[in-house]
């Protein structure tokens, strides 16, 4: 299965009709499944309404659409792709903020010896905070 996490226990799952992720319909107790297989819960024998934990769409699924598997995101899921794109954007260093903080720190430290001292560290931290304040003000 695509991108299955082997750590996730099996459950009664369905494939989301919107984003194709495999989502839990009903949990299974793995200890009961292993120790008392004759008492294992069967899949639902009736239609169920399941909300996807990825795209938050709720659909009605027939009992024939329920199968035993592991919940997992789909490789083709548009929601997953947009989250990954947002995460990549968040991981990028904010170069505008870096330049602004560097300029502010340079002005504040222009007559000081640049070494790791509490005074220099404090001025750098203040410069970063000031640059963040400017950036947030510009984004309003």
N, C-alpha and C. Protein backbone atom coordinates (compact mmCIF):
# COMPACT_ATOMS: atom_id res chain seq x y z
N UNK A 1 0.84 -1.19 0.00
CA UNK A 1 0.00 0.00 0.00
C UNK A 1 0.88 1.24 0.00
N UNK A 2 0.44 2.33 -0.57
CA UNK A 2 1.22 3.55 -0.73
C UNK A 2 1.49 4.24 0.59
N UNK A 3 2.75 4.38 0.96
CA UNK A 3 3.13 5.15 2.14
C UNK A 3 2.57 4.62 3.44
N UNK A 4 2.36 3.31 3.57
CA UNK A 4 1.77 2.75 4.77
C UNK A 4 2.78 2.78 5.90
N UNK A 5 2.33 3.23 7.04
CA UNK A 5 3.16 3.23 8.23
C UNK A 5 2.97 1.89 8.92
N UNK A 6 3.99 1.06 8.99
CA UNK A 6 3.85 -0.27 9.55
C UNK A 6 3.55 -0.24 11.04
N UNK A 7 3.70 0.92 11.67
CA UNK A 7 3.41 1.05 13.09
C UNK A 7 1.90 1.13 13.35
N UNK A 8 1.14 1.58 12.38
CA UNK A 8 -0.30 1.75 12.56
C UNK A 8 -0.97 0.38 12.59
N UNK A 9 -1.84 0.14 13.59
CA UNK A 9 -2.56 -1.13 13.60
C UNK A 9 -3.63 -1.15 12.51
N UNK A 10 -4.00 -2.34 12.14
CA UNK A 10 -5.05 -2.46 11.13
C UNK A 10 -6.39 -2.06 11.74
N UNK A 11 -7.29 -1.64 10.87
CA UNK A 11 -8.63 -1.24 11.27
C UNK A 11 -9.55 -1.52 10.10
N UNK A 12 -10.85 -1.37 10.33
CA UNK A 12 -11.79 -1.41 9.22
C UNK A 12 -11.72 -0.03 8.60
N UNK A 13 -11.34 0.05 7.34
CA UNK A 13 -11.10 1.33 6.68
C UNK A 13 -11.91 1.44 5.39
N UNK A 14 -11.98 2.68 4.89
CA UNK A 14 -12.58 2.97 3.59
C UNK A 14 -11.64 3.91 2.85
N UNK A 15 -11.79 3.99 1.55
CA UNK A 15 -11.00 4.92 0.75
C UNK A 15 -11.86 6.17 0.55
N UNK A 16 -11.35 7.32 0.98
CA UNK A 16 -12.09 8.58 0.89
C UNK A 16 -12.49 8.85 -0.56
N UNK A 17 -13.74 9.22 -0.75
CA UNK A 17 -14.25 9.47 -2.11
C UNK A 17 -13.74 10.80 -2.67
N UNK A 18 -13.25 11.67 -1.80
CA UNK A 18 -12.76 12.96 -2.29
C UNK A 18 -11.25 12.95 -2.52
N UNK A 19 -10.48 12.54 -1.50
CA UNK A 19 -9.01 12.67 -1.61
C UNK A 19 -8.28 11.34 -1.74
N UNK A 20 -8.99 10.23 -1.68
CA UNK A 20 -8.44 8.88 -1.85
C UNK A 20 -7.57 8.39 -0.69
N UNK A 21 -7.55 9.09 0.42
CA UNK A 21 -6.81 8.60 1.58
C UNK A 21 -7.55 7.42 2.18
N UNK A 22 -6.83 6.54 2.83
CA UNK A 22 -7.43 5.40 3.50
C UNK A 22 -7.73 5.84 4.93
N UNK A 23 -9.00 5.84 5.31
CA UNK A 23 -9.41 6.38 6.60
C UNK A 23 -10.11 5.33 7.45
N UNK A 24 -9.96 5.46 8.75
CA UNK A 24 -10.54 4.51 9.68
C UNK A 24 -12.05 4.65 9.74
N UNK A 25 -12.69 3.51 9.60
CA UNK A 25 -14.15 3.44 9.72
C UNK A 25 -14.50 2.90 11.11
N UNK A 26 -13.78 1.86 11.53
CA UNK A 26 -13.97 1.27 12.85
C UNK A 26 -12.63 0.68 13.30
N UNK A 27 -12.25 1.03 14.52
CA UNK A 27 -10.99 0.51 15.06
C UNK A 27 -11.11 -0.97 15.39
N UNK A 28 -9.98 -1.62 15.41
CA UNK A 28 -9.91 -3.05 15.77
C UNK A 28 -8.96 -3.18 16.94
N UNK A 29 -9.33 -3.97 17.93
CA UNK A 29 -8.44 -4.22 19.06
C UNK A 29 -7.45 -5.32 18.66
N UNK A 30 -6.18 -4.97 18.45
CA UNK A 30 -5.22 -5.97 17.97
C UNK A 30 -4.99 -7.10 18.96
N UNK A 31 -5.12 -6.83 20.26
CA UNK A 31 -4.92 -7.91 21.23
C UNK A 31 -6.03 -8.95 21.13
N UNK A 32 -7.27 -8.50 20.99
CA UNK A 32 -8.38 -9.44 20.83
C UNK A 32 -8.23 -10.21 19.52
N UNK A 33 -7.85 -9.52 18.46
CA UNK A 33 -7.64 -10.16 17.16
C UNK A 33 -6.62 -11.29 17.26
N UNK A 34 -5.56 -11.04 18.04
CA UNK A 34 -4.49 -12.02 18.15
C UNK A 34 -4.84 -13.13 19.14
N UNK A 35 -5.31 -12.76 20.32
CA UNK A 35 -5.53 -13.77 21.37
C UNK A 35 -6.85 -14.54 21.20
N UNK A 36 -7.86 -13.90 20.66
CA UNK A 36 -9.16 -14.56 20.50
C UNK A 36 -9.73 -14.26 19.11
N UNK A 37 -9.14 -14.83 18.07
CA UNK A 37 -9.58 -14.52 16.71
C UNK A 37 -11.05 -14.81 16.45
N UNK A 38 -11.62 -15.77 17.17
CA UNK A 38 -13.04 -16.10 16.96
C UNK A 38 -13.96 -14.98 17.48
N UNK A 39 -13.44 -14.10 18.34
CA UNK A 39 -14.23 -12.99 18.86
C UNK A 39 -13.94 -11.67 18.12
N UNK A 40 -13.18 -11.75 17.05
CA UNK A 40 -12.84 -10.56 16.27
C UNK A 40 -14.11 -9.95 15.67
N UNK A 41 -14.15 -8.63 15.69
CA UNK A 41 -15.32 -7.94 15.15
C UNK A 41 -15.33 -8.01 13.63
N UNK A 42 -16.48 -8.34 13.07
CA UNK A 42 -16.58 -8.34 11.60
C UNK A 42 -16.73 -6.91 11.09
N UNK A 43 -16.60 -6.70 9.79
CA UNK A 43 -16.81 -5.34 9.26
C UNK A 43 -18.28 -4.96 9.41
N UNK A 44 -18.58 -3.69 9.35
CA UNK A 44 -19.98 -3.29 9.44
C UNK A 44 -20.79 -3.93 8.31
N UNK A 45 -21.99 -4.39 8.63
CA UNK A 45 -22.83 -5.03 7.63
C UNK A 45 -23.88 -4.05 7.09
N UNK A 46 -23.68 -2.79 7.39
CA UNK A 46 -24.61 -1.75 6.99
C UNK A 46 -23.81 -0.54 6.47
N UNK A 47 -24.49 0.37 5.82
CA UNK A 47 -23.80 1.56 5.30
C UNK A 47 -23.39 2.44 6.48
N UNK A 48 -22.23 3.07 6.34
CA UNK A 48 -21.71 3.94 7.39
C UNK A 48 -21.35 5.30 6.80
N UNK A 49 -21.45 6.33 7.63
CA UNK A 49 -21.01 7.66 7.23
C UNK A 49 -19.68 7.90 7.94
N UNK A 50 -18.65 8.22 7.15
CA UNK A 50 -17.31 8.41 7.70
C UNK A 50 -16.79 9.77 7.24
N UNK A 51 -16.22 10.52 8.18
CA UNK A 51 -15.58 11.80 7.85
C UNK A 51 -14.08 11.57 7.70
N UNK A 52 -13.52 12.09 6.65
CA UNK A 52 -12.09 11.95 6.40
C UNK A 52 -11.30 12.86 7.33
N UNK A 53 -10.28 12.33 7.94
CA UNK A 53 -9.45 13.13 8.85
C UNK A 53 -8.46 14.00 8.08
N UNK A 54 -8.43 13.88 6.77
CA UNK A 54 -7.53 14.67 5.94
C UNK A 54 -8.26 15.87 5.33
N UNK A 55 -9.31 15.61 4.55
CA UNK A 55 -10.01 16.69 3.85
C UNK A 55 -11.32 17.07 4.55
N UNK A 56 -11.69 16.37 5.59
CA UNK A 56 -12.88 16.62 6.41
C UNK A 56 -14.18 16.50 5.64
N UNK A 57 -14.17 15.73 4.55
CA UNK A 57 -15.40 15.46 3.81
C UNK A 57 -16.03 14.21 4.40
N UNK A 58 -17.36 14.21 4.52
CA UNK A 58 -18.08 13.05 5.03
C UNK A 58 -18.90 12.44 3.91
N UNK A 59 -18.78 11.13 3.76
CA UNK A 59 -19.52 10.42 2.73
C UNK A 59 -20.12 9.16 3.33
N UNK A 60 -21.14 8.66 2.66
CA UNK A 60 -21.77 7.40 3.04
C UNK A 60 -21.09 6.28 2.25
N UNK A 61 -20.68 5.24 2.95
CA UNK A 61 -19.99 4.11 2.33
C UNK A 61 -20.80 2.84 2.56
N UNK A 62 -20.99 2.08 1.49
CA UNK A 62 -21.69 0.80 1.59
C UNK A 62 -20.80 -0.20 2.32
N UNK A 63 -21.38 -1.22 2.89
CA UNK A 63 -20.60 -2.23 3.61
C UNK A 63 -19.58 -2.90 2.70
N UNK A 64 -19.83 -2.94 1.41
CA UNK A 64 -18.90 -3.55 0.46
C UNK A 64 -17.64 -2.70 0.25
N UNK A 65 -17.68 -1.43 0.64
CA UNK A 65 -16.54 -0.54 0.48
C UNK A 65 -15.60 -0.57 1.69
N UNK A 66 -16.00 -1.25 2.75
CA UNK A 66 -15.20 -1.33 3.97
C UNK A 66 -14.26 -2.52 3.86
N UNK A 67 -12.98 -2.31 4.17
CA UNK A 67 -12.02 -3.40 4.13
C UNK A 67 -11.04 -3.25 5.29
N UNK A 68 -10.32 -4.32 5.58
CA UNK A 68 -9.33 -4.29 6.65
C UNK A 68 -8.01 -3.78 6.08
N UNK A 69 -7.46 -2.76 6.73
CA UNK A 69 -6.20 -2.18 6.26
C UNK A 69 -5.68 -1.17 7.27
N UNK A 70 -4.67 -0.44 6.86
CA UNK A 70 -4.08 0.58 7.72
C UNK A 70 -4.45 1.96 7.20
N UNK A 71 -4.85 2.86 8.09
CA UNK A 71 -5.11 4.23 7.64
C UNK A 71 -3.82 4.84 7.10
N UNK A 72 -3.94 5.56 6.01
CA UNK A 72 -2.75 6.17 5.40
C UNK A 72 -3.17 7.25 4.42
N UNK A 73 -2.35 8.30 4.27
CA UNK A 73 -2.66 9.30 3.26
C UNK A 73 -2.39 8.74 1.87
N UNK A 74 -3.11 9.25 0.91
CA UNK A 74 -2.92 8.85 -0.48
C UNK A 74 -1.80 9.67 -1.10
N UNK A 75 -1.07 9.07 -2.02
CA UNK A 75 -0.02 9.82 -2.73
C UNK A 75 -0.62 10.86 -3.66
N UNK A 76 -1.87 10.69 -4.05
CA UNK A 76 -2.52 11.63 -4.96
C UNK A 76 -3.40 12.63 -4.24
N UNK A 77 -3.36 12.66 -2.92
CA UNK A 77 -4.23 13.53 -2.12
C UNK A 77 -3.86 15.00 -2.31
N UNK A 78 -4.80 15.83 -2.81
CA UNK A 78 -4.50 17.26 -2.97
C UNK A 78 -4.32 17.96 -1.63
N UNK A 79 -5.02 17.53 -0.60
CA UNK A 79 -4.88 18.12 0.73
C UNK A 79 -3.47 17.88 1.26
N UNK A 80 -2.98 16.67 1.09
CA UNK A 80 -1.63 16.32 1.56
C UNK A 80 -0.58 17.15 0.83
N UNK A 81 -0.76 17.29 -0.49
CA UNK A 81 0.20 18.08 -1.28
C UNK A 81 0.23 19.53 -0.82
N UNK A 82 -0.96 20.10 -0.53
CA UNK A 82 -0.97 21.51 -0.10
C UNK A 82 -0.34 21.65 1.27
N UNK A 83 -0.55 20.67 2.17
CA UNK A 83 0.09 20.72 3.50
C UNK A 83 1.61 20.62 3.35
N UNK A 84 2.07 19.72 2.46
CA UNK A 84 3.52 19.57 2.26
C UNK A 84 4.12 20.85 1.68
N UNK A 85 3.39 21.50 0.77
CA UNK A 85 3.88 22.75 0.19
C UNK A 85 3.97 23.83 1.27
N UNK A 86 2.97 23.89 2.15
CA UNK A 86 3.00 24.86 3.25
C UNK A 86 4.15 24.58 4.19
N UNK A 87 4.40 23.30 4.47
CA UNK A 87 5.52 22.94 5.36
C UNK A 87 6.85 23.35 4.74
N UNK A 88 6.99 23.18 3.42
CA UNK A 88 8.24 23.57 2.76
C UNK A 88 8.43 25.07 2.83
N UNK A 89 7.33 25.83 2.68
CA UNK A 89 7.43 27.29 2.77
C UNK A 89 7.84 27.71 4.17
N UNK A 90 7.30 27.02 5.20
CA UNK A 90 7.64 27.35 6.57
C UNK A 90 9.09 27.04 6.89
N UNK A 91 9.66 26.02 6.24
CA UNK A 91 11.03 25.63 6.52
C UNK A 91 12.04 26.56 5.86
N UNK A 92 11.62 27.30 4.83
CA UNK A 92 12.53 28.22 4.16
C UNK A 92 12.88 29.36 5.11
N UNK A 93 14.14 29.74 5.14
CA UNK A 93 14.49 30.88 5.98
C UNK A 93 13.87 32.15 5.40
N UNK A 94 13.42 33.01 6.26
CA UNK A 94 12.82 34.26 5.82
C UNK A 94 13.96 35.23 5.52
N UNK A 95 14.33 35.32 4.27
CA UNK A 95 15.49 36.12 3.89
C UNK A 95 15.27 37.61 4.10
N UNK A 96 14.05 38.08 3.89
CA UNK A 96 13.78 39.51 4.11
C UNK A 96 13.97 39.85 5.58
N UNK A 97 13.51 38.96 6.45
CA UNK A 97 13.66 39.19 7.89
C UNK A 97 15.14 39.14 8.28
N UNK A 98 15.88 38.22 7.68
CA UNK A 98 17.31 38.10 7.95
C UNK A 98 18.06 39.37 7.55
N UNK A 99 17.75 39.89 6.37
CA UNK A 99 18.42 41.10 5.90
C UNK A 99 18.07 42.29 6.79
N UNK A 100 16.79 42.43 7.11
CA UNK A 100 16.37 43.56 7.95
C UNK A 100 17.01 43.49 9.33
N UNK A 101 16.99 42.30 9.95
CA UNK A 101 17.59 42.15 11.28
C UNK A 101 19.10 42.40 11.23
N UNK A 102 19.75 41.96 10.16
CA UNK A 102 21.19 42.17 10.02
C UNK A 102 21.52 43.66 9.90
N UNK A 103 20.73 44.38 9.13
CA UNK A 103 20.96 45.82 8.99
C UNK A 103 20.74 46.57 10.31
N UNK A 104 19.67 46.20 11.00
CA UNK A 104 19.39 46.84 12.30
C UNK A 104 20.52 46.54 13.27
N UNK A 105 20.96 45.27 13.32
CA UNK A 105 22.05 44.89 14.22
C UNK A 105 23.34 45.61 13.84
N UNK A 106 23.60 45.76 12.55
CA UNK A 106 24.82 46.45 12.11
C UNK A 106 24.82 47.90 12.58
N UNK A 107 23.67 48.56 12.48
CA UNK A 107 23.58 49.95 12.93
C UNK A 107 23.79 50.03 14.43
N UNK A 108 23.15 49.13 15.16
CA UNK A 108 23.25 49.17 16.63
C UNK A 108 24.64 48.79 17.14
N UNK A 109 25.34 47.97 16.37
CA UNK A 109 26.65 47.49 16.82
C UNK A 109 27.81 48.18 16.10
N UNK A 110 27.57 49.28 15.41
CA UNK A 110 28.61 49.86 14.56
C UNK A 110 29.87 50.29 15.30
N UNK A 111 29.80 50.61 16.58
CA UNK A 111 31.01 51.03 17.30
C UNK A 111 31.47 50.00 18.32
N UNK A 112 30.82 48.85 18.33
CA UNK A 112 31.20 47.82 19.30
C UNK A 112 32.04 46.75 18.64
N UNK A 113 32.86 46.13 19.47
CA UNK A 113 33.64 44.98 18.99
C UNK A 113 32.66 43.81 18.85
N UNK A 114 32.68 43.17 17.71
CA UNK A 114 31.76 42.07 17.46
C UNK A 114 32.35 40.78 18.03
N UNK A 115 31.88 40.43 19.21
CA UNK A 115 32.28 39.18 19.86
C UNK A 115 31.07 38.67 20.62
N UNK A 116 31.12 37.44 20.99
CA UNK A 116 29.99 36.86 21.69
C UNK A 116 29.98 37.33 23.14
N UNK A 117 29.21 38.38 23.38
CA UNK A 117 29.08 38.91 24.74
C UNK A 117 27.60 39.13 25.00
N UNK A 118 27.20 39.22 26.25
CA UNK A 118 25.78 39.45 26.56
C UNK A 118 25.23 40.71 25.89
N UNK A 119 26.04 41.75 25.81
CA UNK A 119 25.59 43.00 25.19
C UNK A 119 25.31 42.81 23.69
N UNK A 120 26.20 42.12 23.00
CA UNK A 120 26.03 41.88 21.57
C UNK A 120 24.83 40.95 21.34
N UNK A 121 24.73 39.88 22.13
CA UNK A 121 23.61 38.94 22.00
C UNK A 121 22.28 39.66 22.22
N UNK A 122 22.23 40.55 23.19
CA UNK A 122 21.02 41.30 23.48
C UNK A 122 20.63 42.21 22.32
N UNK A 123 21.60 42.89 21.74
CA UNK A 123 21.32 43.78 20.61
C UNK A 123 20.88 42.99 19.38
N UNK A 124 21.45 41.82 19.17
CA UNK A 124 21.02 40.97 18.05
C UNK A 124 19.58 40.52 18.26
N UNK A 125 19.25 40.06 19.48
CA UNK A 125 17.88 39.63 19.78
C UNK A 125 16.90 40.78 19.59
N UNK A 126 17.27 41.97 20.06
CA UNK A 126 16.41 43.15 19.88
C UNK A 126 16.23 43.47 18.40
N UNK A 127 17.27 43.32 17.62
CA UNK A 127 17.21 43.61 16.18
C UNK A 127 16.25 42.64 15.48
N UNK A 128 16.31 41.39 15.87
CA UNK A 128 15.41 40.38 15.29
C UNK A 128 13.97 40.70 15.65
N UNK A 129 13.72 41.03 16.92
CA UNK A 129 12.36 41.37 17.36
C UNK A 129 11.84 42.60 16.61
N UNK A 130 12.68 43.59 16.43
CA UNK A 130 12.28 44.80 15.72
C UNK A 130 11.96 44.47 14.25
N UNK A 131 12.79 43.66 13.62
CA UNK A 131 12.54 43.27 12.23
C UNK A 131 11.22 42.49 12.12
N UNK A 132 10.94 41.62 13.08
CA UNK A 132 9.67 40.87 13.10
C UNK A 132 8.48 41.81 13.27
N UNK A 133 8.63 42.81 14.12
CA UNK A 133 7.57 43.79 14.33
C UNK A 133 7.29 44.56 13.04
N UNK A 134 8.35 44.94 12.35
CA UNK A 134 8.20 45.67 11.08
C UNK A 134 7.50 44.79 10.05
N UNK A 135 7.93 43.53 9.98
CA UNK A 135 7.33 42.61 9.01
C UNK A 135 5.84 42.39 9.31
N UNK A 136 5.48 42.20 10.57
CA UNK A 136 4.07 41.98 10.90
C UNK A 136 3.24 43.23 10.62
N UNK A 137 3.82 44.38 10.84
CA UNK A 137 3.11 45.64 10.56
C UNK A 137 2.88 45.79 9.06
N UNK A 138 3.86 45.40 8.25
CA UNK A 138 3.72 45.49 6.80
C UNK A 138 2.70 44.50 6.25
N UNK A 139 2.50 43.38 6.93
CA UNK A 139 1.57 42.36 6.46
C UNK A 139 0.11 42.69 6.77
N UNK A 140 -0.12 43.70 7.59
CA UNK A 140 -1.51 44.07 7.92
C UNK A 140 -2.23 44.67 6.77
